[in-house]
All heavy atoms as atom14 arrays in JSON, in Angstrom:
{
  "sequence": "SRASGFIRSALLVAALGAGLRGDLFTIANTLPNMVYILLAGGIFNAVL",
  "atom14_mask": [
    [1, 1, 1, 1, 1, 1, 0, 0, 0, 0, 0, 0, 0, 0],
    [1, 1, 1, 1, 1, 1, 1, 1, 1, 1, 1, 0, 0, 0],
    [1, 1, 1, 1, 1, 0, 0, 0, 0, 0, 0, 0, 0, 0],
    [1, 1, 1, 1, 1, 1, 0, 0, 0, 0, 0, 0, 0, 0],
    [1, 1, 1, 1, 0, 0, 0, 0, 0, 0, 0, 0, 0, 0],
    [1, 1, 1, 1, 1, 1, 1, 1, 1, 1, 1, 0, 0, 0],
    [1, 1, 1, 1, 1, 1, 1, 1, 0, 0, 0, 0, 0, 0],
    [1, 1, 1, 1, 1, 1, 1, 1, 1, 1, 1, 0, 0, 0],
    [1, 1, 1, 1, 1, 1, 0, 0, 0, 0, 0, 0, 0, 0],
    [1, 1, 1, 1, 1, 0, 0, 0, 0, 0, 0, 0, 0, 0],
    [1, 1, 1, 1, 1, 1, 1, 1, 0, 0, 0, 0, 0, 0],
    [1, 1, 1, 1, 1, 1, 1, 1, 0, 0, 0, 0, 0, 0],
    [1, 1, 1, 1, 1, 1, 1, 0, 0, 0, 0, 0, 0, 0],
    [1, 1, 1, 1, 1, 0, 0, 0, 0, 0, 0, 0, 0, 0],
    [1, 1, 1, 1, 1, 0, 0, 0, 0, 0, 0, 0, 0, 0],
    [1, 1, 1, 1, 1, 1, 1, 1, 0, 0, 0, 0, 0, 0],
    [1, 1, 1, 1, 0, 0, 0, 0, 0, 0, 0, 0, 0, 0],
    [1, 1, 1, 1, 1, 0, 0, 0, 0, 0, 0, 0, 0, 0],
    [1, 1, 1, 1, 0, 0, 0, 0, 0, 0, 0, 0, 0, 0],
    [1, 1, 1, 1, 1, 1, 1, 1, 0, 0, 0, 0, 0, 0],
    [1, 1, 1, 1, 1, 1, 1, 1, 1, 1, 1, 0, 0, 0],
    [1, 1, 1, 1, 0, 0, 0, 0, 0, 0, 0, 0, 0, 0],
    [1, 1, 1, 1, 1, 1, 1, 1, 0, 0, 0, 0, 0, 0],
    [1, 1, 1, 1, 1, 1, 1, 1, 0, 0, 0, 0, 0, 0],
    [1, 1, 1, 1, 1, 1, 1, 1, 1, 1, 1, 0, 0, 0],
    [1, 1, 1, 1, 1, 1, 1, 0, 0, 0, 0, 0, 0, 0],
    [1, 1, 1, 1, 1, 1, 1, 1, 0, 0, 0, 0, 0, 0],
    [1, 1, 1, 1, 1, 0, 0, 0, 0, 0, 0, 0, 0, 0],
    [1, 1, 1, 1, 1, 1, 1, 1, 0, 0, 0, 0, 0, 0],
    [1, 1, 1, 1, 1, 1, 1, 0, 0, 0, 0, 0, 0, 0],
    [1, 1, 1, 1, 1, 1, 1, 1, 0, 0, 0, 0, 0, 0],
    [1, 1, 1, 1, 1, 1, 1, 0, 0, 0, 0, 0, 0, 0],
    [1, 1, 1, 1, 1, 1, 1, 1, 0, 0, 0, 0, 0, 0],
    [1, 1, 1, 1, 1, 1, 1, 1, 0, 0, 0, 0, 0, 0],
    [1, 1, 1, 1, 1, 1, 1, 0, 0, 0, 0, 0, 0, 0],
    [1, 1, 1, 1, 1, 1, 1, 1, 1, 1, 1, 1, 0, 0],
    [1, 1, 1, 1, 1, 1, 1, 1, 0, 0, 0, 0, 0, 0],
    [1, 1, 1, 1, 1, 1, 1, 1, 0, 0, 0, 0, 0, 0],
    [1, 1, 1, 1, 1, 1, 1, 1, 0, 0, 0, 0, 0, 0],
    [1, 1, 1, 1, 1, 0, 0, 0, 0, 0, 0, 0, 0, 0],
    [1, 1, 1, 1, 0, 0, 0, 0, 0, 0, 0, 0, 0, 0],
    [1, 1, 1, 1, 0, 0, 0, 0, 0, 0, 0, 0, 0, 0],
    [1, 1, 1, 1, 1, 1, 1, 1, 0, 0, 0, 0, 0, 0],
    [1, 1, 1, 1, 1, 1, 1, 1, 1, 1, 1, 0, 0, 0],
    [1, 1, 1, 1, 1, 1, 1, 1, 0, 0, 0, 0, 0, 0],
    [1, 1, 1, 1, 1, 0, 0, 0, 0, 0, 0, 0, 0, 0],
    [1, 1, 1, 1, 1, 1, 1, 0, 0, 0, 0, 0, 0, 0],
    [1, 1, 1, 1, 1, 1, 1, 1, 0, 0, 0, 0, 0, 0]
  ],
  "atom14_positions": [
    [[33.91, 68.37, 59.18], [34.54, 69.39, 58.35], [33.63, 70.6, 58.18], [34.07, 71.75, 58.31], [34.88, 68.79, 56.98], [35.35, 69.79, 56.1], [0.0, 0.0, 0.0], [0.0, 0.0, 0.0], [0.0, 0.0, 0.0], [0.0, 0.0, 0.0], [0.0, 0.0, 0.0], [0.0, 0.0, 0.0], [0.0, 0.0, 0.0], [0.0, 0.0, 0.0]],
    [[32.35, 70.35, 57.91], [31.41, 71.46, 57.71], [31.14, 72.2, 59.01], [30.91, 73.41, 59.01], [30.11, 70.93, 57.11], [30.25, 70.5, 55.66], [30.56, 71.68, 54.76], [30.83, 71.27, 53.4], [31.05, 72.11, 52.41], [31.05, 73.41, 52.62], [31.32, 71.67, 51.2], [0.0, 0.0, 0.0], [0.0, 0.0, 0.0], [0.0, 0.0, 0.0]],
    [[31.15, 71.46, 60.13], [30.95, 72.13, 61.42], [32.09, 73.1, 61.7], [31.87, 74.25, 62.1], [30.85, 71.1, 62.54], [0.0, 0.0, 0.0], [0.0, 0.0, 0.0], [0.0, 0.0, 0.0], [0.0, 0.0, 0.0], [0.0, 0.0, 0.0], [0.0, 0.0, 0.0], [0.0, 0.0, 0.0], [0.0, 0.0, 0.0], [0.0, 0.0, 0.0]],
    [[33.31, 72.66, 61.45], [34.46, 73.56, 61.64], [34.43, 74.69, 60.62], [34.8, 75.83, 60.92], [35.78, 72.78, 61.57], [35.88, 72.07, 60.35], [0.0, 0.0, 0.0], [0.0, 0.0, 0.0], [0.0, 0.0, 0.0], [0.0, 0.0, 0.0], [0.0, 0.0, 0.0], [0.0, 0.0, 0.0], [0.0, 0.0, 0.0], [0.0, 0.0, 0.0]],
    [[33.96, 74.39, 59.4], [33.83, 75.44, 58.39], [32.76, 76.45, 58.75], [32.89, 77.65, 58.46], [0.0, 0.0, 0.0], [0.0, 0.0, 0.0], [0.0, 0.0, 0.0], [0.0, 0.0, 0.0], [0.0, 0.0, 0.0], [0.0, 0.0, 0.0], [0.0, 0.0, 0.0], [0.0, 0.0, 0.0], [0.0, 0.0, 0.0], [0.0, 0.0, 0.0]],
    [[31.69, 75.97, 59.38], [30.63, 76.86, 59.86], [31.18, 77.83, 60.91], [30.89, 79.03, 60.88], [29.5, 76.03, 60.44], [28.47, 76.82, 61.18], [27.48, 77.51, 60.5], [28.48, 76.89, 62.56], [26.53, 78.24, 61.18], [27.54, 77.62, 63.26], [26.55, 78.3, 62.57], [0.0, 0.0, 0.0], [0.0, 0.0, 0.0], [0.0, 0.0, 0.0]],
    [[31.97, 77.31, 61.85], [32.59, 78.17, 62.87], [33.49, 79.21, 62.2], [33.49, 80.4, 62.56], [33.39, 77.32, 63.87], [32.43, 76.42, 64.65], [34.18, 78.2, 64.84], [33.14, 75.38, 65.5], [0.0, 0.0, 0.0], [0.0, 0.0, 0.0], [0.0, 0.0, 0.0], [0.0, 0.0, 0.0], [0.0, 0.0, 0.0], [0.0, 0.0, 0.0]],
    [[34.25, 78.76, 61.21], [35.13, 79.68, 60.48], [34.33, 80.8, 59.82], [34.69, 81.98, 59.91], [35.9, 78.9, 59.41], [36.73, 79.77, 58.48], [37.19, 78.99, 57.27], [37.86, 79.86, 56.32], [37.25, 80.62, 55.43], [35.92, 80.63, 55.37], [37.94, 81.38, 54.6], [0.0, 0.0, 0.0], [0.0, 0.0, 0.0], [0.0, 0.0, 0.0]],
    [[33.21, 80.44, 59.18], [32.39, 81.43, 58.49], [31.79, 82.44, 59.46], [31.75, 83.65, 59.2], [31.29, 80.73, 57.69], [30.53, 81.64, 56.94], [0.0, 0.0, 0.0], [0.0, 0.0, 0.0], [0.0, 0.0, 0.0], [0.0, 0.0, 0.0], [0.0, 0.0, 0.0], [0.0, 0.0, 0.0], [0.0, 0.0, 0.0], [0.0, 0.0, 0.0]],
    [[31.31, 81.93, 60.62], [30.73, 82.82, 61.63], [31.78, 83.79, 62.17], [31.51, 84.99, 62.35], [30.14, 81.99, 62.77], [0.0, 0.0, 0.0], [0.0, 0.0, 0.0], [0.0, 0.0, 0.0], [0.0, 0.0, 0.0], [0.0, 0.0, 0.0], [0.0, 0.0, 0.0], [0.0, 0.0, 0.0], [0.0, 0.0, 0.0], [0.0, 0.0, 0.0]],
    [[32.99, 83.29, 62.41], [34.06, 84.15, 62.9], [34.47, 85.18, 61.85], [34.81, 86.33, 62.19], [35.28, 83.3, 63.3], [35.13, 82.44, 64.56], [36.34, 81.52, 64.72], [34.99, 83.33, 65.8], [0.0, 0.0, 0.0], [0.0, 0.0, 0.0], [0.0, 0.0, 0.0], [0.0, 0.0, 0.0], [0.0, 0.0, 0.0], [0.0, 0.0, 0.0]],
    [[34.44, 84.78, 60.6], [34.81, 85.7, 59.52], [33.86, 86.89, 59.47], [34.3, 88.05, 59.36], [34.81, 84.95, 58.19], [35.09, 85.78, 56.94], [36.49, 86.38, 57.0], [34.93, 84.94, 55.68], [0.0, 0.0, 0.0], [0.0, 0.0, 0.0], [0.0, 0.0, 0.0], [0.0, 0.0, 0.0], [0.0, 0.0, 0.0], [0.0, 0.0, 0.0]],
    [[32.56, 86.62, 59.55], [31.59, 87.71, 59.52], [31.72, 88.56, 60.78], [31.6, 89.8, 60.72], [30.16, 87.14, 59.37], [29.13, 88.25, 59.5], [30.01, 86.44, 58.02], [0.0, 0.0, 0.0], [0.0, 0.0, 0.0], [0.0, 0.0, 0.0], [0.0, 0.0, 0.0], [0.0, 0.0, 0.0], [0.0, 0.0, 0.0], [0.0, 0.0, 0.0]],
    [[31.98, 87.92, 61.93], [32.18, 88.69, 63.15], [33.41, 89.6, 63.05], [33.39, 90.74, 63.51], [32.33, 87.75, 64.35], [0.0, 0.0, 0.0], [0.0, 0.0, 0.0], [0.0, 0.0, 0.0], [0.0, 0.0, 0.0], [0.0, 0.0, 0.0], [0.0, 0.0, 0.0], [0.0, 0.0, 0.0], [0.0, 0.0, 0.0], [0.0, 0.0, 0.0]],
    [[34.47, 89.09, 62.44], [35.72, 89.86, 62.35], [35.66, 90.96, 61.3], [36.09, 92.09, 61.54], [36.89, 88.91, 62.05], [0.0, 0.0, 0.0], [0.0, 0.0, 0.0], [0.0, 0.0, 0.0], [0.0, 0.0, 0.0], [0.0, 0.0, 0.0], [0.0, 0.0, 0.0], [0.0, 0.0, 0.0], [0.0, 0.0, 0.0], [0.0, 0.0, 0.0]],
    [[35.12, 90.64, 60.12], [35.2, 91.56, 58.98], [33.86, 92.12, 58.54], [33.82, 93.08, 57.76], [35.86, 90.85, 57.78], [37.25, 90.26, 58.01], [37.75, 89.57, 56.75], [38.24, 91.33, 58.46], [0.0, 0.0, 0.0], [0.0, 0.0, 0.0], [0.0, 0.0, 0.0], [0.0, 0.0, 0.0], [0.0, 0.0, 0.0], [0.0, 0.0, 0.0]],
    [[32.76, 91.54, 59.02], [31.45, 91.99, 58.59], [31.06, 91.4, 57.25], [31.8, 90.64, 56.63], [0.0, 0.0, 0.0], [0.0, 0.0, 0.0], [0.0, 0.0, 0.0], [0.0, 0.0, 0.0], [0.0, 0.0, 0.0], [0.0, 0.0, 0.0], [0.0, 0.0, 0.0], [0.0, 0.0, 0.0], [0.0, 0.0, 0.0], [0.0, 0.0, 0.0]],
    [[29.87, 91.76, 56.79], [29.37, 91.28, 55.5], [29.38, 92.37, 54.45], [28.81, 92.2, 53.36], [27.95, 90.73, 55.67], [0.0, 0.0, 0.0], [0.0, 0.0, 0.0], [0.0, 0.0, 0.0], [0.0, 0.0, 0.0], [0.0, 0.0, 0.0], [0.0, 0.0, 0.0], [0.0, 0.0, 0.0], [0.0, 0.0, 0.0], [0.0, 0.0, 0.0]],
    [[30.04, 93.49, 54.75], [30.1, 94.61, 53.8], [31.35, 94.55, 52.94], [31.87, 93.49, 52.61], [0.0, 0.0, 0.0], [0.0, 0.0, 0.0], [0.0, 0.0, 0.0], [0.0, 0.0, 0.0], [0.0, 0.0, 0.0], [0.0, 0.0, 0.0], [0.0, 0.0, 0.0], [0.0, 0.0, 0.0], [0.0, 0.0, 0.0], [0.0, 0.0, 0.0]],
    [[31.86, 95.73, 52.6], [32.96, 95.82, 51.65], [34.23, 95.17, 52.18], [34.93, 94.47, 51.45], [33.22, 97.3, 51.32], [34.31, 97.6, 50.3], [34.09, 96.81, 49.02], [34.37, 99.1, 50.02], [0.0, 0.0, 0.0], [0.0, 0.0, 0.0], [0.0, 0.0, 0.0], [0.0, 0.0, 0.0], [0.0, 0.0, 0.0], [0.0, 0.0, 0.0]],
    [[34.56, 95.37, 53.47], [35.78, 94.77, 54.01], [35.7, 93.24, 53.95], [36.67, 92.58, 53.55], [36.01, 95.21, 55.45], [37.17, 94.5, 56.12], [37.45, 95.0, 57.52], [38.21, 96.23, 57.49], [38.89, 96.72, 58.54], [38.89, 96.08, 59.69], [39.55, 97.84, 58.44], [0.0, 0.0, 0.0], [0.0, 0.0, 0.0], [0.0, 0.0, 0.0]],
    [[34.57, 92.69, 54.32], [34.4, 91.24, 54.23], [34.54, 90.73, 52.81], [35.15, 89.68, 52.56], [0.0, 0.0, 0.0], [0.0, 0.0, 0.0], [0.0, 0.0, 0.0], [0.0, 0.0, 0.0], [0.0, 0.0, 0.0], [0.0, 0.0, 0.0], [0.0, 0.0, 0.0], [0.0, 0.0, 0.0], [0.0, 0.0, 0.0], [0.0, 0.0, 0.0]],
    [[33.99, 91.49, 51.86], [34.08, 91.08, 50.46], [35.51, 91.12, 49.94], [35.88, 90.28, 49.1], [33.19, 91.98, 49.59], [31.75, 91.47, 49.54], [31.42, 90.57, 50.33], [30.98, 91.98, 48.7], [0.0, 0.0, 0.0], [0.0, 0.0, 0.0], [0.0, 0.0, 0.0], [0.0, 0.0, 0.0], [0.0, 0.0, 0.0], [0.0, 0.0, 0.0]],
    [[36.32, 92.07, 50.4], [37.71, 92.12, 49.95], [38.43, 90.81, 50.24], [39.1, 90.24, 49.38], [38.45, 93.28, 50.63], [38.0, 94.71, 50.29], [38.81, 95.72, 51.1], [38.15, 94.99, 48.8], [0.0, 0.0, 0.0], [0.0, 0.0, 0.0], [0.0, 0.0, 0.0], [0.0, 0.0, 0.0], [0.0, 0.0, 0.0], [0.0, 0.0, 0.0]],
    [[38.28, 90.33, 51.48], [38.95, 89.08, 51.85], [38.28, 87.87, 51.2], [38.95, 86.96, 50.69], [38.97, 88.9, 53.36], [39.46, 87.54, 53.78], [40.79, 87.2, 53.63], [38.58, 86.59, 54.29], [41.25, 85.94, 53.98], [39.03, 85.33, 54.64], [40.37, 85.0, 54.5], [0.0, 0.0, 0.0], [0.0, 0.0, 0.0], [0.0, 0.0, 0.0]],
    [[36.95, 87.83, 51.21], [36.25, 86.65, 50.69], [36.54, 86.44, 49.22], [36.77, 85.31, 48.77], [34.73, 86.8, 50.92], [34.47, 87.06, 52.3], [34.0, 85.53, 50.52], [0.0, 0.0, 0.0], [0.0, 0.0, 0.0], [0.0, 0.0, 0.0], [0.0, 0.0, 0.0], [0.0, 0.0, 0.0], [0.0, 0.0, 0.0], [0.0, 0.0, 0.0]],
    [[36.55, 87.51, 48.43], [36.86, 87.38, 47.0], [38.3, 86.95, 46.81], [38.6, 86.05, 46.02], [36.56, 88.7, 46.26], [35.05, 88.96, 46.24], [37.1, 88.65, 44.83], [34.66, 90.32, 45.7], [0.0, 0.0, 0.0], [0.0, 0.0, 0.0], [0.0, 0.0, 0.0], [0.0, 0.0, 0.0], [0.0, 0.0, 0.0], [0.0, 0.0, 0.0]],
    [[39.23, 87.58, 47.54], [40.65, 87.22, 47.41], [40.89, 85.77, 47.77], [41.69, 85.08, 47.13], [41.5, 88.14, 48.3], [0.0, 0.0, 0.0], [0.0, 0.0, 0.0], [0.0, 0.0, 0.0], [0.0, 0.0, 0.0], [0.0, 0.0, 0.0], [0.0, 0.0, 0.0], [0.0, 0.0, 0.0], [0.0, 0.0, 0.0], [0.0, 0.0, 0.0]],
    [[40.21, 85.28, 48.8], [40.41, 83.91, 49.26], [39.65, 82.89, 48.42], [39.95, 81.7, 48.47], [39.99, 83.79, 50.74], [40.49, 82.51, 51.37], [41.64, 82.11, 51.17], [39.65, 81.87, 52.16], [0.0, 0.0, 0.0], [0.0, 0.0, 0.0], [0.0, 0.0, 0.0], [0.0, 0.0, 0.0], [0.0, 0.0, 0.0], [0.0, 0.0, 0.0]],
    [[38.67, 83.34, 47.66], [37.9, 82.45, 46.79], [38.55, 82.29, 45.43], [38.44, 81.23, 44.8], [36.46, 82.98, 46.62], [35.85, 83.11, 47.9], [35.62, 82.05, 45.77], [0.0, 0.0, 0.0], [0.0, 0.0, 0.0], [0.0, 0.0, 0.0], [0.0, 0.0, 0.0], [0.0, 0.0, 0.0], [0.0, 0.0, 0.0], [0.0, 0.0, 0.0]],
    [[39.24, 83.32, 44.96], [39.84, 83.28, 43.63], [40.74, 82.07, 43.39], [40.67, 81.45, 42.32], [40.62, 84.57, 43.36], [39.81, 85.76, 42.88], [40.72, 86.96, 42.63], [39.05, 85.42, 41.6], [0.0, 0.0, 0.0], [0.0, 0.0, 0.0], [0.0, 0.0, 0.0], [0.0, 0.0, 0.0], [0.0, 0.0, 0.0], [0.0, 0.0, 0.0]],
    [[41.62, 81.67, 44.35], [42.46, 80.5, 44.08], [41.66, 79.24, 43.78], [42.02, 78.48, 42.86], [43.28, 80.35, 45.38], [43.31, 81.71, 45.96], [41.99, 82.32, 45.62], [0.0, 0.0, 0.0], [0.0, 0.0, 0.0], [0.0, 0.0, 0.0], [0.0, 0.0, 0.0], [0.0, 0.0, 0.0], [0.0, 0.0, 0.0], [0.0, 0.0, 0.0]],
    [[40.6, 79.01, 44.52], [39.78, 77.83, 44.26], [39.09, 77.93, 42.91], [39.0, 76.94, 42.16], [38.74, 77.67, 45.37], [38.02, 76.34, 45.29], [38.61, 75.32, 44.97], [36.73, 76.34, 45.58], [0.0, 0.0, 0.0], [0.0, 0.0, 0.0], [0.0, 0.0, 0.0], [0.0, 0.0, 0.0], [0.0, 0.0, 0.0], [0.0, 0.0, 0.0]],
    [[38.61, 79.12, 42.57], [37.97, 79.31, 41.27], [38.95, 79.08, 40.13], [38.62, 78.42, 39.14], [37.39, 80.73, 41.19], [36.23, 80.98, 42.15], [35.76, 82.73, 42.23], [35.29, 83.04, 40.53], [0.0, 0.0, 0.0], [0.0, 0.0, 0.0], [0.0, 0.0, 0.0], [0.0, 0.0, 0.0], [0.0, 0.0, 0.0], [0.0, 0.0, 0.0]],
    [[40.17, 79.61, 40.28], [41.17, 79.45, 39.23], [41.6, 77.99, 39.13], [41.76, 77.45, 38.02], [42.39, 80.36, 39.51], [43.51, 80.07, 38.53], [41.97, 81.83, 39.43], [0.0, 0.0, 0.0], [0.0, 0.0, 0.0], [0.0, 0.0, 0.0], [0.0, 0.0, 0.0], [0.0, 0.0, 0.0], [0.0, 0.0, 0.0], [0.0, 0.0, 0.0]],
    [[41.77, 77.32, 40.27], [42.14, 75.9, 40.24], [41.07, 75.1, 39.51], [41.38, 74.26, 38.66], [42.32, 75.36, 41.67], [42.02, 73.89, 41.74], [42.89, 72.98, 41.13], [40.84, 73.43, 42.3], [42.59, 71.63, 41.12], [40.53, 72.08, 42.28], [41.41, 71.19, 41.7], [41.1, 69.87, 41.67], [0.0, 0.0, 0.0], [0.0, 0.0, 0.0]],
    [[39.81, 75.33, 39.84], [38.71, 74.61, 39.19], [38.73, 74.88, 37.69], [38.54, 73.97, 36.86], [37.36, 75.0, 39.8], [37.26, 74.48, 41.24], [36.21, 74.44, 38.97], [36.05, 74.97, 41.99], [0.0, 0.0, 0.0], [0.0, 0.0, 0.0], [0.0, 0.0, 0.0], [0.0, 0.0, 0.0], [0.0, 0.0, 0.0], [0.0, 0.0, 0.0]],
    [[38.98, 76.13, 37.32], [39.03, 76.5, 35.91], [40.13, 75.74, 35.18], [39.94, 75.26, 34.06], [39.26, 78.01, 35.79], [39.41, 78.57, 34.37], [38.12, 78.35, 33.59], [39.76, 80.05, 34.42], [0.0, 0.0, 0.0], [0.0, 0.0, 0.0], [0.0, 0.0, 0.0], [0.0, 0.0, 0.0], [0.0, 0.0, 0.0], [0.0, 0.0, 0.0]],
    [[41.3, 75.6, 35.84], [42.45, 75.02, 35.17], [42.46, 73.5, 35.19], [42.87, 72.86, 34.21], [43.75, 75.54, 35.82], [44.0, 77.04, 35.68], [45.2, 77.45, 36.51], [44.22, 77.41, 34.22], [0.0, 0.0, 0.0], [0.0, 0.0, 0.0], [0.0, 0.0, 0.0], [0.0, 0.0, 0.0], [0.0, 0.0, 0.0], [0.0, 0.0, 0.0]],
    [[42.07, 72.89, 36.3], [42.26, 71.45, 36.42], [41.17, 70.71, 37.17], [41.14, 69.47, 37.13], [43.6, 71.18, 37.13], [0.0, 0.0, 0.0], [0.0, 0.0, 0.0], [0.0, 0.0, 0.0], [0.0, 0.0, 0.0], [0.0, 0.0, 0.0], [0.0, 0.0, 0.0], [0.0, 0.0, 0.0], [0.0, 0.0, 0.0], [0.0, 0.0, 0.0]],
    [[40.29, 71.41, 37.86], [39.36, 70.74, 38.75], [38.45, 69.74, 38.07], [38.2, 68.65, 38.6], [0.0, 0.0, 0.0], [0.0, 0.0, 0.0], [0.0, 0.0, 0.0], [0.0, 0.0, 0.0], [0.0, 0.0, 0.0], [0.0, 0.0, 0.0], [0.0, 0.0, 0.0], [0.0, 0.0, 0.0], [0.0, 0.0, 0.0], [0.0, 0.0, 0.0]],
    [[37.93, 70.08, 36.89], [37.01, 69.17, 36.22], [37.67, 67.86, 35.85], [37.08, 66.78, 36.02], [0.0, 0.0, 0.0], [0.0, 0.0, 0.0], [0.0, 0.0, 0.0], [0.0, 0.0, 0.0], [0.0, 0.0, 0.0], [0.0, 0.0, 0.0], [0.0, 0.0, 0.0], [0.0, 0.0, 0.0], [0.0, 0.0, 0.0], [0.0, 0.0, 0.0]],
    [[38.89, 67.92, 35.34], [39.59, 66.69, 34.96], [39.84, 65.84, 36.19], [39.62, 64.62, 36.2], [40.91, 67.03, 34.26], [40.65, 67.75, 32.94], [41.72, 65.76, 33.99], [41.88, 68.2, 32.22], [0.0, 0.0, 0.0], [0.0, 0.0, 0.0], [0.0, 0.0, 0.0], [0.0, 0.0, 0.0], [0.0, 0.0, 0.0], [0.0, 0.0, 0.0]],
    [[40.33, 66.44, 37.27], [40.67, 65.69, 38.47], [39.43, 65.01, 39.05], [39.47, 63.85, 39.43], [41.28, 66.61, 39.52], [42.68, 67.05, 39.21], [43.35, 67.92, 40.05], [43.34, 66.6, 38.09], [44.64, 68.34, 39.78], [44.64, 67.0, 37.8], [45.29, 67.88, 38.65], [0.0, 0.0, 0.0], [0.0, 0.0, 0.0], [0.0, 0.0, 0.0]],
    [[38.33, 65.74, 39.15], [37.16, 65.25, 39.87], [36.35, 64.23, 39.07], [35.92, 63.22, 39.62], [36.25, 66.42, 40.26], [36.75, 67.12, 41.5], [37.13, 66.49, 42.46], [36.74, 68.44, 41.47], [0.0, 0.0, 0.0], [0.0, 0.0, 0.0], [0.0, 0.0, 0.0], [0.0, 0.0, 0.0], [0.0, 0.0, 0.0], [0.0, 0.0, 0.0]],
    [[36.11, 64.52, 37.82], [35.13, 63.75, 37.08], [35.73, 62.75, 36.1], [35.12, 61.7, 35.83], [34.19, 64.69, 36.32], [0.0, 0.0, 0.0], [0.0, 0.0, 0.0], [0.0, 0.0, 0.0], [0.0, 0.0, 0.0], [0.0, 0.0, 0.0], [0.0, 0.0, 0.0], [0.0, 0.0, 0.0], [0.0, 0.0, 0.0], [0.0, 0.0, 0.0]],
    [[36.89, 63.04, 35.54], [37.47, 62.18, 34.51], [38.47, 61.21, 35.1], [38.55, 60.05, 34.71], [38.14, 63.04, 33.4], [38.81, 62.15, 32.37], [37.11, 63.94, 32.74], [0.0, 0.0, 0.0], [0.0, 0.0, 0.0], [0.0, 0.0, 0.0], [0.0, 0.0, 0.0], [0.0, 0.0, 0.0], [0.0, 0.0, 0.0], [0.0, 0.0, 0.0]],
    [[39.24, 61.65, 36.1], [40.36, 60.86, 36.58], [39.91, 59.58, 37.29], [40.52, 58.52, 37.11], [41.21, 61.71, 37.53], [42.55, 61.09, 37.95], [43.41, 60.82, 36.73], [43.28, 62.01, 38.92], [0.0, 0.0, 0.0], [0.0, 0.0, 0.0], [0.0, 0.0, 0.0], [0.0, 0.0, 0.0], [0.0, 0.0, 0.0], [0.0, 0.0, 0.0]]
  ]
}
């Protein structure tokens, strides 16, 4: 999983760079995971 994720990350930087354009997508794509963790992630992972 991490190997395929590593390839994804390398391609992302190649496609969009590490500047402002890359940050636009990275922040947008990270927000759902952050919001999910905020709303339910702790209960699911640690308590359930």
